[in-house]
PDB file of N, CA and C in Angstrom:
ATOM      1  N   MET A   1     -41.812   4.397  -7.872  1.00  0.00           N
ATOM      2  CA  MET A   1     -40.296   2.704  -7.973  1.00  0.00           C
ATOM      3  C   MET A   1     -39.231   2.439  -8.332  1.00  0.00           C
ATOM      4  N   LYS A   2     -39.755   3.067 -10.277  1.00  0.00           N
ATOM      5  CA  LYS A   2     -38.740   3.215 -10.974  1.00  0.00           C
ATOM      6  C   LYS A   2     -37.367   4.038 -10.523  1.00  0.00           C
ATOM      7  N   LYS A   3     -38.076   4.692 -10.079  1.00  0.00           N
ATOM      8  CA  LYS A   3     -36.576   5.977  -9.246  1.00  0.00           C
ATOM      9  C   LYS A   3     -36.131   5.913  -8.877  1.00  0.00           C
ATOM     10  N   LEU A   4     -36.618   4.781  -7.342  1.00  0.00           N
ATOM     11  CA  LEU A   4     -35.682   4.152  -6.275  1.00  0.00           C
ATOM     12  C   LEU A   4     -35.166   3.713  -6.529  1.00  0.00           C
ATOM     13  N   ILE A   5     -35.565   2.714  -7.877  1.00  0.00           N
ATOM     14  CA  ILE A   5     -34.759   1.379  -8.336  1.00  0.00           C
ATOM     15  C   ILE A   5     -33.316   2.311  -8.759  1.00  0.00           C
ATOM     16  N   VAL A   6     -33.692   2.846  -9.812  1.00  0.00           N
ATOM     17  CA  VAL A   6     -32.461   3.644 -10.920  1.00  0.00           C
ATOM     18  C   VAL A   6     -32.165   4.393  -9.354  1.00  0.00           C
ATOM     19  N   MET A   7     -31.605   4.954  -8.709  1.00  0.00           N
ATOM     20  CA  MET A   7     -30.990   5.989  -7.594  1.00  0.00           C
ATOM     21  C   MET A   7     -30.335   4.728  -6.270  1.00  0.00           C
ATOM     22  N   MET A   8     -30.923   3.581  -6.779  1.00  0.00           N
ATOM     23  CA  MET A   8     -29.871   2.774  -5.552  1.00  0.00           C
ATOM     24  C   MET A   8     -29.476   1.603  -7.110  1.00  0.00           C
ATOM     25  N   LEU A   9     -29.701   1.282  -7.976  1.00  0.00           N
ATOM     26  CA  LEU A   9     -28.556   1.524  -9.555  1.00  0.00           C
ATOM     27  C   LEU A   9     -27.492   2.431  -9.182  1.00  0.00           C
ATOM     28  N   LEU A  10     -28.101   3.575  -9.406  1.00  0.00           N
ATOM     29  CA  LEU A  10     -26.782   4.102  -8.998  1.00  0.00           C
ATOM     30  C   LEU A  10     -25.989   5.064  -8.059  1.00  0.00           C
ATOM     31  N   ALA A  11     -25.959   4.268  -6.568  1.00  0.00           N
ATOM     32  CA  ALA A  11     -25.642   4.573  -5.534  1.00  0.00           C
ATOM     33  C   ALA A  11     -24.855   3.295  -5.678  1.00  0.00           C
ATOM     34  N   VAL A  12     -24.968   1.740  -6.062  1.00  0.00           N
ATOM     35  CA  VAL A  12     -24.069   0.892  -6.053  1.00  0.00           C
ATOM     36  C   VAL A  12     -23.694   0.843  -7.387  1.00  0.00           C
ATOM     37  N   MET A  13     -23.524   1.497  -7.714  1.00  0.00           N
ATOM     38  CA  MET A  13     -22.470   1.486  -9.699  1.00  0.00           C
ATOM     39  C   MET A  13     -21.464   2.729  -8.912  1.00  0.00           C
ATOM     40  N   ALA A  14     -21.592   3.847  -8.138  1.00  0.00           N
ATOM     41  CA  ALA A  14     -20.668   4.471  -7.373  1.00  0.00           C
ATOM     42  C   ALA A  14     -20.085   4.042  -7.305  1.00  0.00           C
ATOM     43  N   PHE A  15     -20.537   3.510  -5.996  1.00  0.00           N
ATOM     44  CA  PHE A  15     -20.042   2.778  -4.712  1.00  0.00           C
ATOM     45  C   PHE A  15     -19.043   2.029  -5.666  1.00  0.00           C
ATOM     46  N   THR A  16     -19.039   1.366  -6.469  1.00  0.00           N
ATOM     47  CA  THR A  16     -18.122  -0.144  -6.679  1.00  0.00           C
ATOM     48  C   THR A  16     -16.989   0.555  -7.305  1.00  0.00           C
ATOM     49  N   THR A  17     -17.680   1.337  -8.772  1.00  0.00           N
ATOM     50  CA  THR A  17     -16.071   2.532  -8.724  1.00  0.00           C
ATOM     51  C   THR A  17     -15.441   2.535  -7.920  1.00  0.00           C
ATOM     52  N   THR A  18     -16.071   3.764  -7.204  1.00  0.00           N
ATOM     53  CA  THR A  18     -14.636   4.542  -6.057  1.00  0.00           C
ATOM     54  C   THR A  18     -13.862   3.324  -5.419  1.00  0.00           C
ATOM     55  N   GLN A  19     -14.519   2.069  -5.240  1.00  0.00           N
ATOM     56  CA  GLN A  19     -13.597   0.768  -4.607  1.00  0.00           C
ATOM     57  C   GLN A  19     -12.681   0.238  -5.861  1.00  0.00           C
ATOM     58  N   THR A  20     -12.526   0.327  -6.913  1.00  0.00           N
ATOM     59  CA  THR A  20     -11.923  -0.070  -7.938  1.00  0.00           C
ATOM     60  C   THR A  20     -10.704   0.042  -7.507  1.00  0.00           C
ATOM     61  N   PHE A  21     -10.542   1.764  -7.860  1.00  0.00           N
ATOM     62  CA  PHE A  21      -9.557   3.362  -8.245  1.00  0.00           C
ATOM     63  C   PHE A  21      -8.880   3.273  -6.334  1.00  0.00           C
ATOM     64  N   ALA A  22      -9.147   3.051  -5.520  1.00  0.00           N
ATOM     65  CA  ALA A  22      -8.779   2.921  -4.368  1.00  0.00           C
ATOM     66  C   ALA A  22      -6.978   2.343  -4.453  1.00  0.00           C
ATOM     67  N   GLN A  23      -6.338   3.420  -4.035  1.00  0.00           N
ATOM     68  CA  GLN A  23      -4.653   2.923  -3.617  1.00  0.00           C
ATOM     69  C   GLN A  23      -3.869   2.355  -2.244  1.00  0.00           C
ATOM     70  N   THR A  24      -5.532   2.296  -1.199  1.00  0.00           N
ATOM     71  CA  THR A  24      -4.314   1.998  -0.143  1.00  0.00           C
ATOM     72  C   THR A  24      -5.011   0.298   0.698  1.00  0.00           C
ATOM     73  N   LYS A  25      -4.667   0.079   1.573  1.00  0.00           N
ATOM     74  CA  LYS A  25      -4.625  -1.353   1.645  1.00  0.00           C
ATOM     75  C   LYS A  25      -6.016  -1.051   2.561  1.00  0.00           C
ATOM     76  N   LYS A  26      -6.690  -2.196   3.076  1.00  0.00           N
ATOM     77  CA  LYS A  26      -7.543  -1.890   4.830  1.00  0.00           C
ATOM     78  C   LYS A  26      -7.205  -1.243   5.453  1.00  0.00           C
ATOM     79  N   ASP A  27      -6.379  -1.120   5.999  1.00  0.00           N
ATOM     80  CA  ASP A  27      -6.046  -0.238   7.466  1.00  0.00           C
ATOM     81  C   ASP A  27      -5.835   1.061   6.649  1.00  0.00           C
ATOM     82  N   GLY A  28      -6.066   1.491   6.151  1.00  0.00           N
ATOM     83  CA  GLY A  28      -5.688   2.539   4.997  1.00  0.00           C
ATOM     84  C   GLY A  28      -3.657   3.023   4.845  1.00  0.00           C
ATOM     85  N   SER A  29      -2.790   2.590   5.330  1.00  0.00           N
ATOM     86  CA  SER A  29      -1.663   2.801   4.437  1.00  0.00           C
ATOM     87  C   SER A  29      -1.696   2.947   2.870  1.00  0.00           C
ATOM     88  N   LYS A  30      -0.912   3.344   2.805  1.00  0.00           N
ATOM     89  CA  LYS A  30      -0.752   3.075   0.595  1.00  0.00           C
ATOM     90  C   LYS A  30      -0.150   1.912   0.408  1.00  0.00           C
ATOM     91  N   ASP A  31      -0.496   1.487  -0.945  1.00  0.00           N
ATOM     92  CA  ASP A  31      -0.719  -0.454  -1.161  1.00  0.00           C
ATOM     93  C   ASP A  31       0.880  -0.159  -2.248  1.00  0.00           C
ATOM     94  N   MET A  32       2.106  -0.398  -1.513  1.00  0.00           N
ATOM     95  CA  MET A  32       3.100  -0.615  -2.573  1.00  0.00           C
ATOM     96  C   MET A  32       3.333  -0.996  -4.064  1.00  0.00           C
ATOM     97  N   ARG A  33       2.157  -1.785  -4.196  1.00  0.00           N
ATOM     98  CA  ARG A  33       2.264  -2.344  -5.591  1.00  0.00           C
ATOM     99  C   ARG A  33       2.266  -1.263  -7.123  1.00  0.00           C
ATOM    100  N   TYR A  34       1.222  -0.085  -6.259  1.00  0.00           N
ATOM    101  CA  TYR A  34       1.183   1.154  -7.563  1.00  0.00           C
ATOM    102  C   TYR A  34       2.551   1.700  -6.931  1.00  0.00           C
ATOM    103  N   LYS A  35       2.960   2.559  -9.013  1.00  0.00           N
ATOM    104  CA  LYS A  35       3.884   2.617  -9.191  1.00  0.00           C
ATOM    105  C   LYS A  35       4.404   4.472  -8.799  1.00  0.00           C
ATOM    106  N   LYS A  36       2.520   5.436  -8.155  1.00  0.00           N
ATOM    107  CA  LYS A  36       2.157   6.061  -7.804  1.00  0.00           C
ATOM    108  C   LYS A  36       2.628   6.533  -5.978  1.00  0.00           C
ATOM    109  N   ASN A  37       2.543   5.097  -5.332  1.00  0.00           N
ATOM    110  CA  ASN A  37       3.163   5.182  -3.921  1.00  0.00           C
ATOM    111  C   ASN A  37       4.400   4.666  -3.588  1.00  0.00           C
ATOM    112  N   LYS A  38       5.263   4.014  -4.629  1.00  0.00           N
ATOM    113  CA  LYS A  38       6.301   4.220  -4.663  1.00  0.00           C
ATOM    114  C   LYS A  38       7.363   5.698  -4.123  1.00  0.00           C
ATOM    115  N   GLN A  39       6.829   6.544  -4.428  1.00  0.00           N
ATOM    116  CA  GLN A  39       7.343   7.516  -4.526  1.00  0.00           C
ATOM    117  C   GLN A  39       8.127   7.583  -3.314  1.00  0.00           C
ATOM    118  N   PRO A  40       9.531   8.142  -2.785  1.00  0.00           N
ATOM    119  CA  PRO A  40       9.425   8.787  -1.692  1.00  0.00           C
ATOM    120  C   PRO A  40       9.435   9.991  -1.119  1.00  0.00           C
ATOM    121  N   MET A  41       8.208  10.910  -0.862  1.00  0.00           N
ATOM    122  CA  MET A  41       7.886  11.584  -0.985  1.00  0.00           C
ATOM    123  C   MET A  41       7.887  12.221   1.267  1.00  0.00           C
ATOM    124  N   LYS A  42       7.916  13.405   1.155  1.00  0.00           N
ATOM    125  CA  LYS A  42       7.976  14.466   3.088  1.00  0.00           C
ATOM    126  C   LYS A  42       6.510  14.272   3.454  1.00  0.00           C
ATOM    127  N   LYS A  43       7.031  14.726   4.661  1.00  0.00           N
ATOM    128  CA  LYS A  43       5.410  14.346   5.430  1.00  0.00           C
ATOM    129  C   LYS A  43       4.787  14.678   5.043  1.00  0.00           C
ATOM    130  N   ASP A  44       5.162  16.051   4.523  1.00  0.00           N
ATOM    131  CA  ASP A  44       4.087  17.641   3.548  1.00  0.00           C
ATOM    132  C   ASP A  44       2.966  17.054   2.300  1.00  0.00           C
ATOM    133  N   GLY A  45       3.743  15.671   2.015  1.00  0.00           N
ATOM    134  CA  GLY A  45       3.563  15.419   0.901  1.00  0.00           C
ATOM    135  C   GLY A  45       4.391  15.079  -0.267  1.00  0.00           C
ATOM    136  N   THR A  46       5.851  16.567  -0.364  1.00  0.00           N
ATOM    137  CA  THR A  46       6.265  17.100  -1.620  1.00  0.00           C
ATOM    138  C   THR A  46       6.798  15.615  -2.067  1.00  0.00           C
ATOM    139  N   PRO A  47       7.727  15.511  -3.228  1.00  0.00           N
ATOM    140  CA  PRO A  47       8.612  14.862  -3.536  1.00  0.00           C
ATOM    141  C   PRO A  47       9.931  15.175  -2.461  1.00  0.00           C
ATOM    142  N   ASP A  48      11.147  14.014  -2.482  1.00  0.00           N
ATOM    143  CA  ASP A  48      11.253  14.117  -1.800  1.00  0.00           C
ATOM    144  C   ASP A  48      12.691  13.624  -2.741  1.00  0.00           C
ATOM    145  N   LYS A  49      13.745  15.802  -2.991  1.00  0.00           N
ATOM    146  CA  LYS A  49      14.553  15.329  -4.052  1.00  0.00           C
ATOM    147  C   LYS A  49      15.825  14.674  -3.688  1.00  0.00           C
ATOM    148  N   ARG A  50      16.083  14.364  -2.992  1.00  0.00           N
ATOM    149  CA  ARG A  50      17.298  13.130  -2.343  1.00  0.00           C
ATOM    150  C   ARG A  50      17.431  11.877  -2.750  1.00  0.00           C
ATOM    151  N   PHE A  51      16.340  11.497  -3.581  1.00  0.00           N
ATOM    152  CA  PHE A  51      16.238  10.480  -4.370  1.00  0.00           C
ATOM    153  C   PHE A  51      15.479  10.684  -5.936  1.00  0.00           C
ATOM    154  N   LYS A  52      16.838  10.157  -6.452  1.00  0.00           N
ATOM    155  CA  LYS A  52      17.142  10.097  -8.273  1.00  0.00           C
ATOM    156  C   LYS A  52      15.451  10.247  -8.968  1.00  0.00           C
ATOM    157  N   THR A  53      14.767   9.240  -8.400  1.00  0.00           N
ATOM    158  CA  THR A  53      13.303   8.730  -8.957  1.00  0.00           C
ATOM    159  C   THR A  53      12.472  10.633  -8.802  1.00  0.00           C
ATOM    160  N   ASN A  54      12.900  11.382  -8.137  1.00  0.00           N
ATOM    161  CA  ASN A  54      12.053  12.734  -7.671  1.00  0.00           C
ATOM    162  C   ASN A  54      12.761  13.746  -8.807  1.00  0.00           C
ATOM    163  N   LYS A  55      13.767  13.434  -9.149  1.00  0.00           N
ATOM    164  CA  LYS A  55      15.350  14.710  -9.866  1.00  0.00           C
ATOM    165  C   LYS A  55      14.616  15.073 -10.807  1.00  0.00           C
ATOM    166  N   PRO A  56      14.898  16.346 -11.505  1.00  0.00           N
ATOM    167  CA  PRO A  56      13.886  16.899 -12.795  1.00  0.00           C
ATOM    168  C   PRO A  56      15.111  16.457 -13.359  1.00  0.00           C
ATOM    169  N   ALA A  57      14.804  16.069 -15.340  1.00  0.00           N
ATOM    170  CA  ALA A  57      15.651  14.602 -15.678  1.00  0.00           C
ATOM    171  C   ALA A  57      16.866  15.527 -15.858  1.00  0.00           C
ATOM    172  N   ALA A  58      18.112  15.227 -15.915  1.00  0.00           N
ATOM    173  CA  ALA A  58      19.556  16.471 -15.899  1.00  0.00           C
ATOM    174  C   ALA A  58      19.363  16.807 -17.719  1.00  0.00           C
ATOM    175  N   LYS A  59      20.130  17.315 -18.269  1.00  0.00           N
ATOM    176  CA  LYS A  59      20.041  18.357 -19.284  1.00  0.00           C
ATOM    177  C   LYS A  59      21.778  17.364 -19.190  1.00  0.00           C
ATOM    178  N   LYS A  60      21.378  16.872 -20.653  1.00  0.00           N
ATOM    179  CA  LYS A  60      22.834  16.731 -21.478  1.00  0.00           C
ATOM    180  C   LYS A  60      23.228  17.915 -22.520  1.00  0.00           C
ATOM    181  N   PRO A  61      24.397  17.293 -21.951  1.00  0.00           N
ATOM    182  CA  PRO A  61      25.831  18.418 -22.356  1.00  0.00           C
ATOM    183  C   PRO A  61      26.187  18.240 -23.979  1.00  0.00           C
ATOM    184  N   ALA A  62      25.685  19.519 -24.723  1.00  0.00           N
ATOM    185  CA  ALA A  62      26.071  19.715 -26.183  1.00  0.00           C
ATOM    186  C   ALA A  62      27.409  19.017 -26.891  1.00  0.00           C
ATOM    187  N   THR A  63      27.569  18.222 -27.570  1.00  0.00           N
ATOM    188  CA  THR A  63      28.443  18.376 -28.132  1.00  0.00           C
ATOM    189  C   THR A  63      28.995  18.291 -29.282  1.00  0.00           C
ATOM    190  N   ALA A  64      30.094  19.127 -28.746  1.00  0.00           N
ATOM    191  CA  ALA A  64      31.466  19.146 -30.160  1.00  0.00           C
ATOM    192  C   ALA A  64      30.987  18.571 -31.214  1.00  0.00           C
ATOM    193  N   LYS A  65      30.696  19.122 -32.179  1.00  0.00           N
ATOM    194  CA  LYS A  65      30.529  19.164 -34.386  1.00  0.00           C
ATOM    195  C   LYS A  65      32.065  19.002 -34.736  1.00  0.00           C
ATOM    196  N   MET A  66      31.924  18.072 -34.975  1.00  0.00           N
ATOM    197  CA  MET A  66      33.512  18.817 -36.021  1.00  0.00           C
ATOM    198  C   MET A  66      32.737  19.300 -37.336  1.00  0.00           C
ATOM    199  N   ALA A  67      33.275  19.800 -37.415  1.00  0.00           N
ATOM    200  CA  ALA A  67      33.529  21.070 -38.890  1.00  0.00           C
ATOM    201  C   ALA A  67      34.248  20.042 -40.240  1.00  0.00           C
ATOM    202  N   PRO A  68      33.913  19.611 -40.976  1.00  0.00           N
ATOM    203  CA  PRO A  68      33.790  18.835 -41.682  1.00  0.00           C
ATOM    204  C   PRO A  68      35.509  19.430 -42.086  1.00  0.00           C
ATOM    205  N   ALA A  69      35.983  18.540 -43.322  1.00  0.00           N
ATOM    206  CA  ALA A  69      37.558  19.296 -43.599  1.00  0.00           C
ATOM    207  C   ALA A  69      37.369  19.433 -44.493  1.00  0.00           C
ATOM    208  N   VAL A  70      38.104  20.887 -44.725  1.00  0.00           N
ATOM    209  CA  VAL A  70      38.507  21.939 -45.628  1.00  0.00           C
ATOM    210  C   VAL A  70      39.382  21.067 -46.891  1.00  0.00           C
ATOM    211  N   LYS A  71      38.877  20.487 -48.198  1.00  0.00           N
ATOM    212  CA  LYS A  71      40.105  20.339 -48.849  1.00  0.00           C
ATOM    213  C   LYS A  71      40.903  21.932 -49.791  1.00  0.00           C
ATOM    214  N   LYS A  72      42.309  21.716 -49.150  1.00  0.00           N
ATOM    215  CA  LYS A  72      42.717  23.510 -49.999  1.00  0.00           C
ATOM    216  C   LYS A  72      43.133  23.331 -51.525  1.00  0.00           C
ATOM    217  N   ALA A  73      43.264  24.284 -51.706  1.00  0.00           N
ATOM    218  CA  ALA A  73      43.789  23.669 -53.595  1.00  0.00           C
ATOM    219  C   ALA A  73      45.256  24.247 -53.653  1.00  0.00           C
ATOM    220  N   ALA A  74      45.423  23.288 -54.262  1.00  0.00           N
ATOM    221  CA  ALA A  74      47.201  23.564 -54.796  1.00  0.00           C
ATOM    222  C   ALA A  74      47.243  24.562 -56.049  1.00  0.00           C
TER     223      ALA A  74
END
């Protein structure tokens, strides 16, 4: 009897935890309230690189540092 109760509790806990992390609506479409679902994707599921949010961060060009002025000996 104890095993049955424990198994039922585990089943209920497993069901409730999977339902809280789902990021889809009841009809199966993406829930756009989540940041992960807002990224534009291609049909195959890869990020679409045409959009700024999916492009890799551009490297900043190195600025030329000016050398300190050297005083001439008189």
